[in-house]
């Protein structure tokens, strides 16, 4: 396991970047599974009660992916919960995933600024596509709500799980990569 940005729960930007062990093989299987679902299951448009979506040009799964019974999804759920429960103070109590969904990005995807519900949220990049300066798709965080400019930007890497406080506002810059990007998002409480 390779951990980065260890400011999780401390002063500064509370983001923990963790490389999932043996992610290459896991991601091959997850990508095949999730791209397959995107081709056969109708886009959910939104998982929000009001029906609005923060994202455009995407396929969105339902938010109960963590209950699917798929062995590779179960592996990711167990890994994420273990990492977060180790990082949080013991007196907080154990957290578990309450919602999990997949977004398959198409060229032109952009995620408007938003925050999640729960205590901890995260994004796991099954396939980060070709994100970067040219193709966009940066994960941006806003440490100060009153600021229109992000305080931090991350160029997502395949096989990395980015965990952050659910109240931390974030967005995704317009993604113009030719390859589909496959991301699993989650909330814990």
N, C-alpha and C. Protein backbone atom coordinates (compact mmCIF):
# COMPACT_ATOMS: atom_id res chain seq x y z
N UNK A 1 0.85 -1.17 0.00
CA UNK A 1 0.00 0.00 0.00
C UNK A 1 0.89 1.23 0.00
N UNK A 2 0.53 2.20 -0.81
CA UNK A 2 1.32 3.40 -0.96
C UNK A 2 0.43 4.58 -0.64
N UNK A 3 0.63 5.23 0.49
CA UNK A 3 -0.24 6.33 0.90
C UNK A 3 0.42 7.66 0.60
N UNK A 4 -0.39 8.61 0.12
CA UNK A 4 0.07 9.96 -0.15
C UNK A 4 -0.71 10.92 0.71
N UNK A 5 -0.67 12.20 0.40
CA UNK A 5 -1.42 13.27 1.07
C UNK A 5 -1.98 12.85 2.42
N UNK A 6 -1.15 12.78 3.41
CA UNK A 6 -1.58 12.26 4.70
C UNK A 6 -2.14 13.33 5.62
N UNK A 7 -2.72 14.39 5.09
CA UNK A 7 -3.36 15.42 5.90
C UNK A 7 -4.77 15.03 6.31
N UNK A 8 -5.17 13.80 6.07
CA UNK A 8 -6.53 13.34 6.35
C UNK A 8 -6.90 13.60 7.79
N UNK A 9 -7.93 14.44 8.00
CA UNK A 9 -8.41 14.72 9.34
C UNK A 9 -7.55 15.68 10.12
N UNK A 10 -6.53 16.29 9.51
CA UNK A 10 -5.65 17.24 10.20
C UNK A 10 -5.80 18.60 9.56
N UNK A 11 -5.03 19.57 10.04
CA UNK A 11 -5.05 20.90 9.45
C UNK A 11 -4.64 20.80 7.99
N UNK A 12 -5.14 21.66 7.18
CA UNK A 12 -4.85 21.60 5.75
C UNK A 12 -5.97 20.88 5.03
N UNK A 13 -5.71 20.49 3.81
CA UNK A 13 -6.73 19.83 3.01
C UNK A 13 -6.85 18.37 3.42
N UNK A 14 -8.03 17.96 3.89
CA UNK A 14 -8.20 16.58 4.36
C UNK A 14 -8.45 15.59 3.22
N UNK A 15 -7.39 15.26 2.49
CA UNK A 15 -7.49 14.28 1.42
C UNK A 15 -6.42 13.22 1.65
N UNK A 16 -6.83 11.99 1.55
CA UNK A 16 -5.92 10.86 1.66
C UNK A 16 -5.92 10.15 0.32
N UNK A 17 -4.74 10.03 -0.30
CA UNK A 17 -4.60 9.31 -1.57
C UNK A 17 -3.94 7.98 -1.27
N UNK A 18 -4.59 6.89 -1.65
CA UNK A 18 -4.09 5.56 -1.36
C UNK A 18 -4.08 4.74 -2.64
N UNK A 19 -2.95 4.12 -2.92
CA UNK A 19 -2.88 3.21 -4.07
C UNK A 19 -3.37 1.84 -3.61
N UNK A 20 -4.34 1.31 -4.31
CA UNK A 20 -4.92 0.02 -3.94
C UNK A 20 -3.94 -1.09 -4.36
N UNK A 21 -3.61 -2.01 -3.45
CA UNK A 21 -2.69 -3.10 -3.79
C UNK A 21 -3.24 -3.94 -4.94
N UNK A 22 -2.34 -4.39 -5.80
CA UNK A 22 -2.70 -5.26 -6.94
C UNK A 22 -3.82 -4.65 -7.79
N UNK A 23 -3.81 -3.34 -7.92
CA UNK A 23 -4.90 -2.67 -8.64
C UNK A 23 -4.92 -2.96 -10.14
N UNK A 24 -3.80 -3.34 -10.72
CA UNK A 24 -3.79 -3.57 -12.17
C UNK A 24 -4.80 -4.66 -12.57
N UNK A 25 -4.73 -5.81 -11.93
CA UNK A 25 -5.64 -6.90 -12.26
C UNK A 25 -7.07 -6.58 -11.81
N UNK A 26 -7.20 -6.00 -10.63
CA UNK A 26 -8.52 -5.60 -10.14
C UNK A 26 -9.18 -4.64 -11.13
N UNK A 27 -8.42 -3.66 -11.61
CA UNK A 27 -8.98 -2.66 -12.51
C UNK A 27 -9.37 -3.24 -13.87
N UNK A 28 -8.61 -4.21 -14.35
CA UNK A 28 -9.00 -4.86 -15.62
C UNK A 28 -10.38 -5.49 -15.49
N UNK A 29 -10.59 -6.19 -14.37
CA UNK A 29 -11.88 -6.85 -14.16
C UNK A 29 -13.00 -5.83 -13.91
N UNK A 30 -12.70 -4.81 -13.09
CA UNK A 30 -13.72 -3.80 -12.80
C UNK A 30 -14.08 -3.01 -14.05
N UNK A 31 -13.09 -2.67 -14.85
CA UNK A 31 -13.36 -1.90 -16.07
C UNK A 31 -14.27 -2.70 -17.01
N UNK A 32 -13.95 -3.96 -17.19
CA UNK A 32 -14.78 -4.83 -18.04
C UNK A 32 -16.21 -4.89 -17.50
N UNK A 33 -16.36 -5.10 -16.20
CA UNK A 33 -17.67 -5.18 -15.57
C UNK A 33 -18.45 -3.88 -15.75
N UNK A 34 -17.83 -2.75 -15.44
CA UNK A 34 -18.53 -1.48 -15.41
C UNK A 34 -18.80 -0.91 -16.81
N UNK A 35 -17.87 -1.07 -17.73
CA UNK A 35 -18.13 -0.66 -19.11
C UNK A 35 -19.27 -1.53 -19.67
N UNK A 36 -19.26 -2.82 -19.34
CA UNK A 36 -20.35 -3.70 -19.76
C UNK A 36 -21.69 -3.22 -19.24
N UNK A 37 -21.73 -2.84 -17.97
CA UNK A 37 -22.98 -2.32 -17.40
C UNK A 37 -23.41 -1.04 -18.10
N UNK A 38 -22.43 -0.18 -18.43
CA UNK A 38 -22.77 1.10 -19.07
C UNK A 38 -23.37 0.89 -20.46
N UNK A 39 -23.08 -0.27 -21.05
CA UNK A 39 -23.61 -0.57 -22.39
C UNK A 39 -24.95 -1.30 -22.35
N UNK A 40 -25.32 -1.83 -21.18
CA UNK A 40 -26.55 -2.63 -21.10
C UNK A 40 -27.57 -2.11 -20.09
N UNK A 41 -27.15 -1.29 -19.15
CA UNK A 41 -28.05 -0.77 -18.12
C UNK A 41 -28.29 0.72 -18.38
N UNK A 42 -29.52 1.13 -18.27
CA UNK A 42 -29.87 2.53 -18.52
C UNK A 42 -29.18 3.48 -17.55
N UNK A 43 -28.75 4.63 -18.04
CA UNK A 43 -28.15 5.70 -17.23
C UNK A 43 -29.15 6.16 -16.17
N UNK A 44 -28.70 6.26 -14.94
CA UNK A 44 -29.57 6.71 -13.84
C UNK A 44 -29.85 8.21 -13.89
N UNK A 45 -29.12 8.95 -14.68
CA UNK A 45 -29.19 10.41 -14.80
C UNK A 45 -28.74 11.06 -13.50
N UNK A 46 -29.36 10.70 -12.38
CA UNK A 46 -29.01 11.26 -11.08
C UNK A 46 -29.40 10.27 -9.99
N UNK A 47 -28.66 10.29 -8.89
CA UNK A 47 -29.02 9.50 -7.71
C UNK A 47 -29.56 10.42 -6.61
N UNK A 48 -29.75 11.69 -6.93
CA UNK A 48 -30.24 12.66 -5.96
C UNK A 48 -31.77 12.65 -5.95
N UNK A 49 -32.38 12.89 -4.78
CA UNK A 49 -33.85 12.92 -4.71
C UNK A 49 -34.48 13.96 -5.63
N UNK A 50 -33.77 15.08 -5.86
CA UNK A 50 -34.35 16.13 -6.71
C UNK A 50 -34.12 15.87 -8.20
N UNK A 51 -33.39 14.80 -8.53
CA UNK A 51 -33.19 14.42 -9.92
C UNK A 51 -32.13 15.19 -10.67
N UNK A 52 -31.52 16.19 -10.03
CA UNK A 52 -30.46 16.97 -10.69
C UNK A 52 -29.15 16.19 -10.67
N UNK A 53 -28.32 16.45 -11.64
CA UNK A 53 -27.01 15.80 -11.71
C UNK A 53 -25.92 16.86 -11.73
N UNK A 54 -24.82 16.57 -11.08
CA UNK A 54 -23.67 17.47 -11.12
C UNK A 54 -22.81 17.21 -12.34
N UNK A 55 -23.08 16.12 -13.07
CA UNK A 55 -22.25 15.70 -14.18
C UNK A 55 -23.03 15.64 -15.48
N UNK A 56 -22.35 15.90 -16.58
CA UNK A 56 -22.91 15.77 -17.92
C UNK A 56 -22.01 14.85 -18.73
N UNK A 57 -22.53 14.30 -19.82
CA UNK A 57 -21.77 13.40 -20.70
C UNK A 57 -21.17 12.23 -19.95
N UNK A 58 -22.05 11.46 -19.35
CA UNK A 58 -21.61 10.31 -18.54
C UNK A 58 -22.67 9.24 -18.52
N UNK A 59 -22.27 8.06 -18.05
CA UNK A 59 -23.21 7.03 -17.66
C UNK A 59 -23.07 6.90 -16.16
N UNK A 60 -24.18 6.84 -15.46
CA UNK A 60 -24.20 6.77 -14.00
C UNK A 60 -24.96 5.53 -13.56
N UNK A 61 -24.34 4.75 -12.68
CA UNK A 61 -25.02 3.57 -12.12
C UNK A 61 -25.91 4.00 -10.96
N UNK A 62 -26.70 3.08 -10.46
CA UNK A 62 -27.45 3.34 -9.23
C UNK A 62 -26.44 3.42 -8.08
N UNK A 63 -26.87 3.97 -6.95
CA UNK A 63 -25.93 4.20 -5.84
C UNK A 63 -25.83 3.04 -4.85
N UNK A 64 -26.24 1.85 -5.28
CA UNK A 64 -26.14 0.68 -4.41
C UNK A 64 -25.11 -0.33 -4.92
N UNK A 65 -24.11 0.15 -5.61
CA UNK A 65 -23.08 -0.72 -6.18
C UNK A 65 -22.40 -1.58 -5.10
N UNK A 66 -22.26 -1.04 -3.90
CA UNK A 66 -21.61 -1.76 -2.80
C UNK A 66 -22.40 -2.99 -2.36
N UNK A 67 -23.65 -3.10 -2.78
CA UNK A 67 -24.50 -4.24 -2.43
C UNK A 67 -24.60 -5.26 -3.57
N UNK A 68 -23.81 -5.07 -4.62
CA UNK A 68 -23.97 -5.88 -5.83
C UNK A 68 -23.59 -7.34 -5.68
N UNK A 69 -22.73 -7.67 -4.74
CA UNK A 69 -22.28 -9.05 -4.59
C UNK A 69 -21.12 -9.42 -5.50
N UNK A 70 -20.71 -8.50 -6.37
CA UNK A 70 -19.56 -8.74 -7.24
C UNK A 70 -18.30 -8.83 -6.38
N UNK A 71 -17.50 -9.90 -6.53
CA UNK A 71 -16.30 -10.07 -5.68
C UNK A 71 -15.33 -8.90 -5.75
N UNK A 72 -15.13 -8.30 -6.93
CA UNK A 72 -14.18 -7.20 -7.04
C UNK A 72 -14.72 -5.92 -6.39
N UNK A 73 -16.01 -5.72 -6.44
CA UNK A 73 -16.62 -4.59 -5.73
C UNK A 73 -16.47 -4.80 -4.23
N UNK A 74 -16.70 -6.02 -3.78
CA UNK A 74 -16.57 -6.36 -2.36
C UNK A 74 -15.14 -6.10 -1.89
N UNK A 75 -14.16 -6.46 -2.70
CA UNK A 75 -12.74 -6.21 -2.36
C UNK A 75 -12.50 -4.72 -2.16
N UNK A 76 -13.02 -3.90 -3.06
CA UNK A 76 -12.85 -2.46 -2.96
C UNK A 76 -13.56 -1.90 -1.73
N UNK A 77 -14.77 -2.37 -1.45
CA UNK A 77 -15.51 -1.93 -0.26
C UNK A 77 -14.72 -2.23 1.01
N UNK A 78 -14.24 -3.45 1.14
CA UNK A 78 -13.49 -3.86 2.33
C UNK A 78 -12.21 -3.04 2.48
N UNK A 79 -11.52 -2.80 1.37
CA UNK A 79 -10.29 -2.02 1.41
C UNK A 79 -10.57 -0.59 1.87
N UNK A 80 -11.56 0.06 1.25
CA UNK A 80 -11.87 1.46 1.58
C UNK A 80 -12.29 1.60 3.05
N UNK A 81 -13.15 0.70 3.52
CA UNK A 81 -13.60 0.78 4.91
C UNK A 81 -12.44 0.57 5.87
N UNK A 82 -11.55 -0.36 5.57
CA UNK A 82 -10.39 -0.61 6.45
C UNK A 82 -9.48 0.61 6.52
N UNK A 83 -9.20 1.23 5.37
CA UNK A 83 -8.33 2.41 5.34
C UNK A 83 -8.93 3.54 6.16
N UNK A 84 -10.20 3.82 5.96
CA UNK A 84 -10.84 4.94 6.66
C UNK A 84 -10.93 4.66 8.15
N UNK A 85 -11.29 3.45 8.52
CA UNK A 85 -11.39 3.14 9.95
C UNK A 85 -10.04 3.17 10.65
N UNK A 86 -8.96 2.88 9.93
CA UNK A 86 -7.62 3.03 10.51
C UNK A 86 -7.23 4.50 10.64
N UNK A 87 -7.66 5.33 9.70
CA UNK A 87 -7.27 6.74 9.69
C UNK A 87 -8.06 7.58 10.70
N UNK A 88 -9.30 7.21 10.96
CA UNK A 88 -10.12 7.97 11.90
C UNK A 88 -9.76 7.60 13.33
N UNK A 89 -10.03 8.53 14.23
CA UNK A 89 -9.80 8.26 15.64
C UNK A 89 -10.73 7.16 16.11
N UNK A 90 -10.26 6.27 16.98
CA UNK A 90 -11.09 5.15 17.44
C UNK A 90 -12.39 5.59 18.13
N UNK A 91 -12.38 6.76 18.80
CA UNK A 91 -13.58 7.18 19.52
C UNK A 91 -14.69 7.67 18.59
N UNK A 92 -14.40 7.80 17.30
CA UNK A 92 -15.41 8.22 16.33
C UNK A 92 -16.38 7.09 16.05
N UNK A 93 -15.91 5.87 16.20
CA UNK A 93 -16.74 4.71 15.86
C UNK A 93 -16.46 4.28 14.43
N UNK A 94 -16.81 3.06 14.12
CA UNK A 94 -16.56 2.53 12.77
C UNK A 94 -17.49 3.15 11.75
N UNK A 95 -16.96 3.35 10.56
CA UNK A 95 -17.78 3.83 9.46
C UNK A 95 -17.87 2.72 8.42
N UNK A 96 -18.94 2.78 7.64
CA UNK A 96 -19.09 1.82 6.55
C UNK A 96 -19.71 2.54 5.35
N UNK A 97 -19.57 1.94 4.19
CA UNK A 97 -20.09 2.54 2.96
C UNK A 97 -21.61 2.47 2.98
N UNK A 98 -22.24 3.62 2.73
CA UNK A 98 -23.69 3.70 2.69
C UNK A 98 -24.20 3.90 1.27
N UNK A 99 -23.35 4.38 0.38
CA UNK A 99 -23.72 4.49 -1.03
C UNK A 99 -22.45 4.43 -1.87
N UNK A 100 -22.57 3.80 -3.05
CA UNK A 100 -21.44 3.64 -3.96
C UNK A 100 -22.01 3.57 -5.37
N UNK A 101 -21.39 4.30 -6.29
CA UNK A 101 -21.87 4.33 -7.66
C UNK A 101 -20.70 4.49 -8.62
N UNK A 102 -20.98 4.23 -9.88
CA UNK A 102 -19.96 4.33 -10.92
C UNK A 102 -20.34 5.42 -11.91
N UNK A 103 -19.34 6.14 -12.37
CA UNK A 103 -19.51 7.11 -13.45
C UNK A 103 -18.55 6.71 -14.56
N UNK A 104 -19.09 6.49 -15.75
CA UNK A 104 -18.25 6.27 -16.93
C UNK A 104 -18.32 7.57 -17.72
N UNK A 105 -17.18 8.25 -17.78
CA UNK A 105 -17.11 9.56 -18.43
C UNK A 105 -16.93 9.43 -19.91
N UNK A 106 -17.59 10.33 -20.61
CA UNK A 106 -17.41 10.47 -22.05
C UNK A 106 -16.73 11.81 -22.28
N UNK A 107 -16.12 12.03 -23.45
CA UNK A 107 -15.51 13.34 -23.70
C UNK A 107 -16.53 14.46 -23.46
N UNK A 108 -16.10 15.48 -22.75
CA UNK A 108 -16.98 16.59 -22.41
C UNK A 108 -17.54 16.51 -21.00
N UNK A 109 -17.25 15.42 -20.27
CA UNK A 109 -17.72 15.34 -18.89
C UNK A 109 -17.13 16.48 -18.08
N UNK A 110 -17.98 17.06 -17.27
CA UNK A 110 -17.54 18.08 -16.34
C UNK A 110 -18.37 17.92 -15.09
N UNK A 111 -17.74 17.97 -13.93
CA UNK A 111 -18.46 17.85 -12.67
C UNK A 111 -18.52 19.18 -11.97
N UNK A 112 -19.73 19.71 -11.82
CA UNK A 112 -19.89 20.99 -11.14
C UNK A 112 -19.56 20.85 -9.65
N UNK A 113 -19.22 21.94 -9.06
CA UNK A 113 -18.84 22.00 -7.65
C UNK A 113 -19.98 21.47 -6.78
N UNK A 114 -19.63 20.56 -5.86
CA UNK A 114 -20.64 19.96 -4.98
C UNK A 114 -19.96 19.33 -3.78
N UNK A 115 -20.76 18.83 -2.87
CA UNK A 115 -20.26 18.07 -1.73
C UNK A 115 -21.17 16.87 -1.55
N UNK A 116 -20.79 15.96 -0.68
CA UNK A 116 -21.54 14.72 -0.50
C UNK A 116 -22.19 14.70 0.87
N UNK A 117 -22.86 13.60 1.17
CA UNK A 117 -23.46 13.38 2.49
C UNK A 117 -22.65 12.31 3.21
N UNK A 118 -22.75 12.29 4.51
CA UNK A 118 -22.02 11.31 5.30
C UNK A 118 -20.85 11.94 6.01
N UNK A 119 -19.89 11.11 6.36
CA UNK A 119 -18.69 11.56 7.07
C UNK A 119 -17.48 11.61 6.16
N UNK A 120 -17.29 10.55 5.37
CA UNK A 120 -16.15 10.44 4.46
C UNK A 120 -16.68 10.05 3.08
N UNK A 121 -16.12 10.67 2.06
CA UNK A 121 -16.46 10.33 0.68
C UNK A 121 -15.17 9.99 -0.06
N UNK A 122 -15.33 9.39 -1.22
CA UNK A 122 -14.14 9.03 -1.96
C UNK A 122 -14.41 8.78 -3.42
N UNK A 123 -13.33 8.76 -4.18
CA UNK A 123 -13.36 8.44 -5.60
C UNK A 123 -12.24 7.46 -5.89
N UNK A 124 -12.61 6.32 -6.47
CA UNK A 124 -11.62 5.32 -6.87
C UNK A 124 -11.54 5.33 -8.39
N UNK A 125 -10.35 5.51 -8.92
CA UNK A 125 -10.15 5.58 -10.36
C UNK A 125 -9.77 4.21 -10.90
N UNK A 126 -10.77 3.53 -11.44
CA UNK A 126 -10.57 2.26 -12.12
C UNK A 126 -9.73 2.52 -13.37
N UNK A 127 -10.08 3.57 -14.09
CA UNK A 127 -9.35 3.98 -15.29
C UNK A 127 -9.45 5.50 -15.36
N UNK A 128 -8.33 6.17 -15.09
CA UNK A 128 -8.31 7.64 -15.08
C UNK A 128 -8.33 8.23 -16.48
N UNK A 129 -8.27 7.38 -17.50
CA UNK A 129 -8.27 7.90 -18.86
C UNK A 129 -6.97 8.65 -19.12
N UNK A 130 -7.07 9.73 -19.84
CA UNK A 130 -5.88 10.50 -20.19
C UNK A 130 -5.95 11.88 -19.56
N UNK A 131 -6.25 11.94 -18.26
CA UNK A 131 -6.40 13.22 -17.60
C UNK A 131 -5.06 13.93 -17.51
N UNK A 132 -5.13 15.23 -17.37
CA UNK A 132 -3.93 16.05 -17.26
C UNK A 132 -4.15 17.41 -17.87
N UNK A 133 -3.07 18.14 -18.06
CA UNK A 133 -3.17 19.52 -18.54
C UNK A 133 -3.90 19.61 -19.88
N UNK A 134 -3.63 18.69 -20.79
CA UNK A 134 -4.23 18.75 -22.12
C UNK A 134 -5.67 18.24 -22.13
N UNK A 135 -5.94 17.13 -21.45
CA UNK A 135 -7.26 16.51 -21.52
C UNK A 135 -8.17 16.84 -20.35
N UNK A 136 -7.69 17.55 -19.36
CA UNK A 136 -8.53 17.94 -18.22
C UNK A 136 -8.84 16.77 -17.32
N UNK A 137 -10.00 16.84 -16.68
CA UNK A 137 -10.41 15.77 -15.77
C UNK A 137 -9.75 15.84 -14.42
N UNK A 138 -9.27 17.03 -14.03
CA UNK A 138 -8.62 17.17 -12.73
C UNK A 138 -9.68 17.18 -11.62
N UNK A 139 -9.34 16.57 -10.50
CA UNK A 139 -10.19 16.56 -9.32
C UNK A 139 -9.79 17.78 -8.49
N UNK A 140 -10.72 18.72 -8.31
CA UNK A 140 -10.41 19.97 -7.62
C UNK A 140 -11.15 20.06 -6.29
N UNK A 141 -10.46 20.62 -5.30
CA UNK A 141 -11.04 20.78 -3.96
C UNK A 141 -11.04 22.25 -3.57
N UNK A 142 -12.05 22.62 -2.77
CA UNK A 142 -12.23 24.00 -2.33
C UNK A 142 -12.19 24.02 -0.80
N UNK A 143 -11.03 24.35 -0.25
CA UNK A 143 -10.87 24.35 1.21
C UNK A 143 -11.68 25.48 1.85
N UNK A 144 -11.91 26.55 1.09
CA UNK A 144 -12.71 27.69 1.60
C UNK A 144 -13.96 27.83 0.74
N UNK A 145 -15.09 27.69 1.36
CA UNK A 145 -16.37 27.73 0.62
C UNK A 145 -16.61 29.06 -0.07
N UNK A 146 -16.08 30.14 0.50
CA UNK A 146 -16.34 31.46 -0.08
C UNK A 146 -15.49 31.73 -1.32
N UNK A 147 -14.51 30.89 -1.58
CA UNK A 147 -13.63 31.09 -2.72
C UNK A 147 -14.18 30.41 -3.97
N UNK A 148 -14.12 31.13 -5.09
CA UNK A 148 -14.56 30.56 -6.36
C UNK A 148 -13.47 29.70 -7.00
N UNK A 149 -12.24 29.87 -6.53
CA UNK A 149 -11.10 29.15 -7.09
C UNK A 149 -10.77 27.94 -6.21
N UNK A 150 -10.43 26.81 -6.83
CA UNK A 150 -10.05 25.63 -6.03
C UNK A 150 -8.74 25.90 -5.29
N UNK A 151 -8.62 25.32 -4.12
CA UNK A 151 -7.38 25.45 -3.35
C UNK A 151 -6.38 24.38 -3.74
N UNK A 152 -6.87 23.25 -4.25
CA UNK A 152 -6.00 22.13 -4.63
C UNK A 152 -6.56 21.41 -5.84
N UNK A 153 -5.67 20.94 -6.71
CA UNK A 153 -6.06 20.11 -7.85
C UNK A 153 -5.23 18.84 -7.85
N UNK A 154 -5.88 17.75 -8.18
CA UNK A 154 -5.20 16.46 -8.25
C UNK A 154 -5.40 15.89 -9.65
N UNK A 155 -4.32 15.44 -10.26
CA UNK A 155 -4.45 14.70 -11.51
C UNK A 155 -4.64 13.25 -11.13
N UNK A 156 -5.85 12.72 -11.27
CA UNK A 156 -6.14 11.38 -10.79
C UNK A 156 -5.30 10.31 -11.49
N UNK A 157 -4.97 9.28 -10.74
CA UNK A 157 -4.20 8.16 -11.25
C UNK A 157 -5.01 6.88 -11.12
N UNK A 158 -4.98 6.06 -12.14
CA UNK A 158 -5.67 4.77 -12.07
C UNK A 158 -5.12 3.97 -10.90
N UNK A 159 -6.01 3.31 -10.17
CA UNK A 159 -5.60 2.50 -9.03
C UNK A 159 -5.51 3.26 -7.73
N UNK A 160 -5.82 4.55 -7.75
CA UNK A 160 -5.78 5.36 -6.54
C UNK A 160 -7.19 5.63 -6.02
N UNK A 161 -7.31 5.57 -4.71
CA UNK A 161 -8.53 5.91 -4.00
C UNK A 161 -8.27 7.22 -3.29
N UNK A 162 -9.08 8.23 -3.58
CA UNK A 162 -8.95 9.54 -2.95
C UNK A 162 -10.09 9.69 -1.95
N UNK A 163 -9.76 9.82 -0.68
CA UNK A 163 -10.73 9.91 0.40
C UNK A 163 -10.69 11.31 1.00
N UNK A 164 -11.87 11.85 1.32
CA UNK A 164 -11.94 13.21 1.83
C UNK A 164 -13.22 13.38 2.65
N UNK A 165 -13.25 14.44 3.43
CA UNK A 165 -14.43 14.75 4.22
C UNK A 165 -15.62 14.97 3.29
N UNK A 166 -16.76 14.42 3.63
CA UNK A 166 -17.94 14.55 2.78
C UNK A 166 -18.39 16.00 2.61
N UNK A 167 -18.03 16.86 3.55
CA UNK A 167 -18.42 18.27 3.47
C UNK A 167 -17.46 19.10 2.61
N UNK A 168 -16.36 18.52 2.18
CA UNK A 168 -15.39 19.25 1.37
C UNK A 168 -15.91 19.38 -0.06
N UNK A 169 -16.12 20.61 -0.50
CA UNK A 169 -16.63 20.82 -1.86
C UNK A 169 -15.55 20.48 -2.87
N UNK A 170 -15.99 19.91 -4.00
CA UNK A 170 -15.05 19.50 -5.04
C UNK A 170 -15.74 19.56 -6.40
N UNK A 171 -14.94 19.50 -7.43
CA UNK A 171 -15.45 19.52 -8.80
C UNK A 171 -14.47 18.74 -9.68
N UNK A 172 -14.86 18.54 -10.93
CA UNK A 172 -13.99 17.87 -11.90
C UNK A 172 -13.94 18.77 -13.14
N UNK A 173 -12.72 19.12 -13.56
CA UNK A 173 -12.60 19.95 -14.76
C UNK A 173 -13.04 19.15 -15.98
N UNK A 174 -13.42 19.86 -17.03
CA UNK A 174 -13.93 19.24 -18.26
C UNK A 174 -12.92 18.21 -18.78
N UNK A 175 -13.40 16.99 -18.97
CA UNK A 175 -12.57 15.88 -19.46
C UNK A 175 -12.74 15.74 -20.96
N UNK A 176 -11.64 15.83 -21.69
CA UNK A 176 -11.67 15.73 -23.15
C UNK A 176 -10.90 14.53 -23.68
N UNK A 177 -10.54 13.60 -22.79
CA UNK A 177 -9.81 12.42 -23.23
C UNK A 177 -10.63 11.55 -24.16
N UNK A 178 -9.97 10.89 -25.08
CA UNK A 178 -10.66 10.03 -26.05
C UNK A 178 -11.13 8.73 -25.39
N UNK A 179 -10.40 8.25 -24.39
CA UNK A 179 -10.75 7.00 -23.73
C UNK A 179 -11.77 7.24 -22.62
N UNK A 180 -12.71 6.31 -22.44
CA UNK A 180 -13.66 6.47 -21.33
C UNK A 180 -12.91 6.43 -20.00
N UNK A 181 -13.39 7.19 -19.08
CA UNK A 181 -12.83 7.22 -17.73
C UNK A 181 -13.84 6.51 -16.84
N UNK A 182 -13.36 5.61 -15.97
CA UNK A 182 -14.24 4.83 -15.11
C UNK A 182 -13.89 5.14 -13.65
N UNK A 183 -14.85 5.71 -12.94
CA UNK A 183 -14.64 6.13 -11.56
C UNK A 183 -15.75 5.54 -10.69
N UNK A 184 -15.36 5.05 -9.52
CA UNK A 184 -16.32 4.60 -8.51
C UNK A 184 -16.28 5.60 -7.38
N UNK A 185 -17.44 6.18 -7.06
CA UNK A 185 -17.55 7.13 -5.97
C UNK A 185 -18.28 6.48 -4.81
N UNK A 186 -18.02 6.98 -3.60
CA UNK A 186 -18.63 6.38 -2.41
C UNK A 186 -18.81 7.38 -1.30
N UNK A 187 -19.76 7.07 -0.42
CA UNK A 187 -19.99 7.82 0.81
C UNK A 187 -19.99 6.84 1.97
N UNK A 188 -19.44 7.30 3.11
CA UNK A 188 -19.41 6.48 4.33
C UNK A 188 -19.97 7.27 5.49
N UNK A 189 -20.57 6.54 6.41
CA UNK A 189 -20.94 7.14 7.69
C UNK A 189 -20.93 6.09 8.75
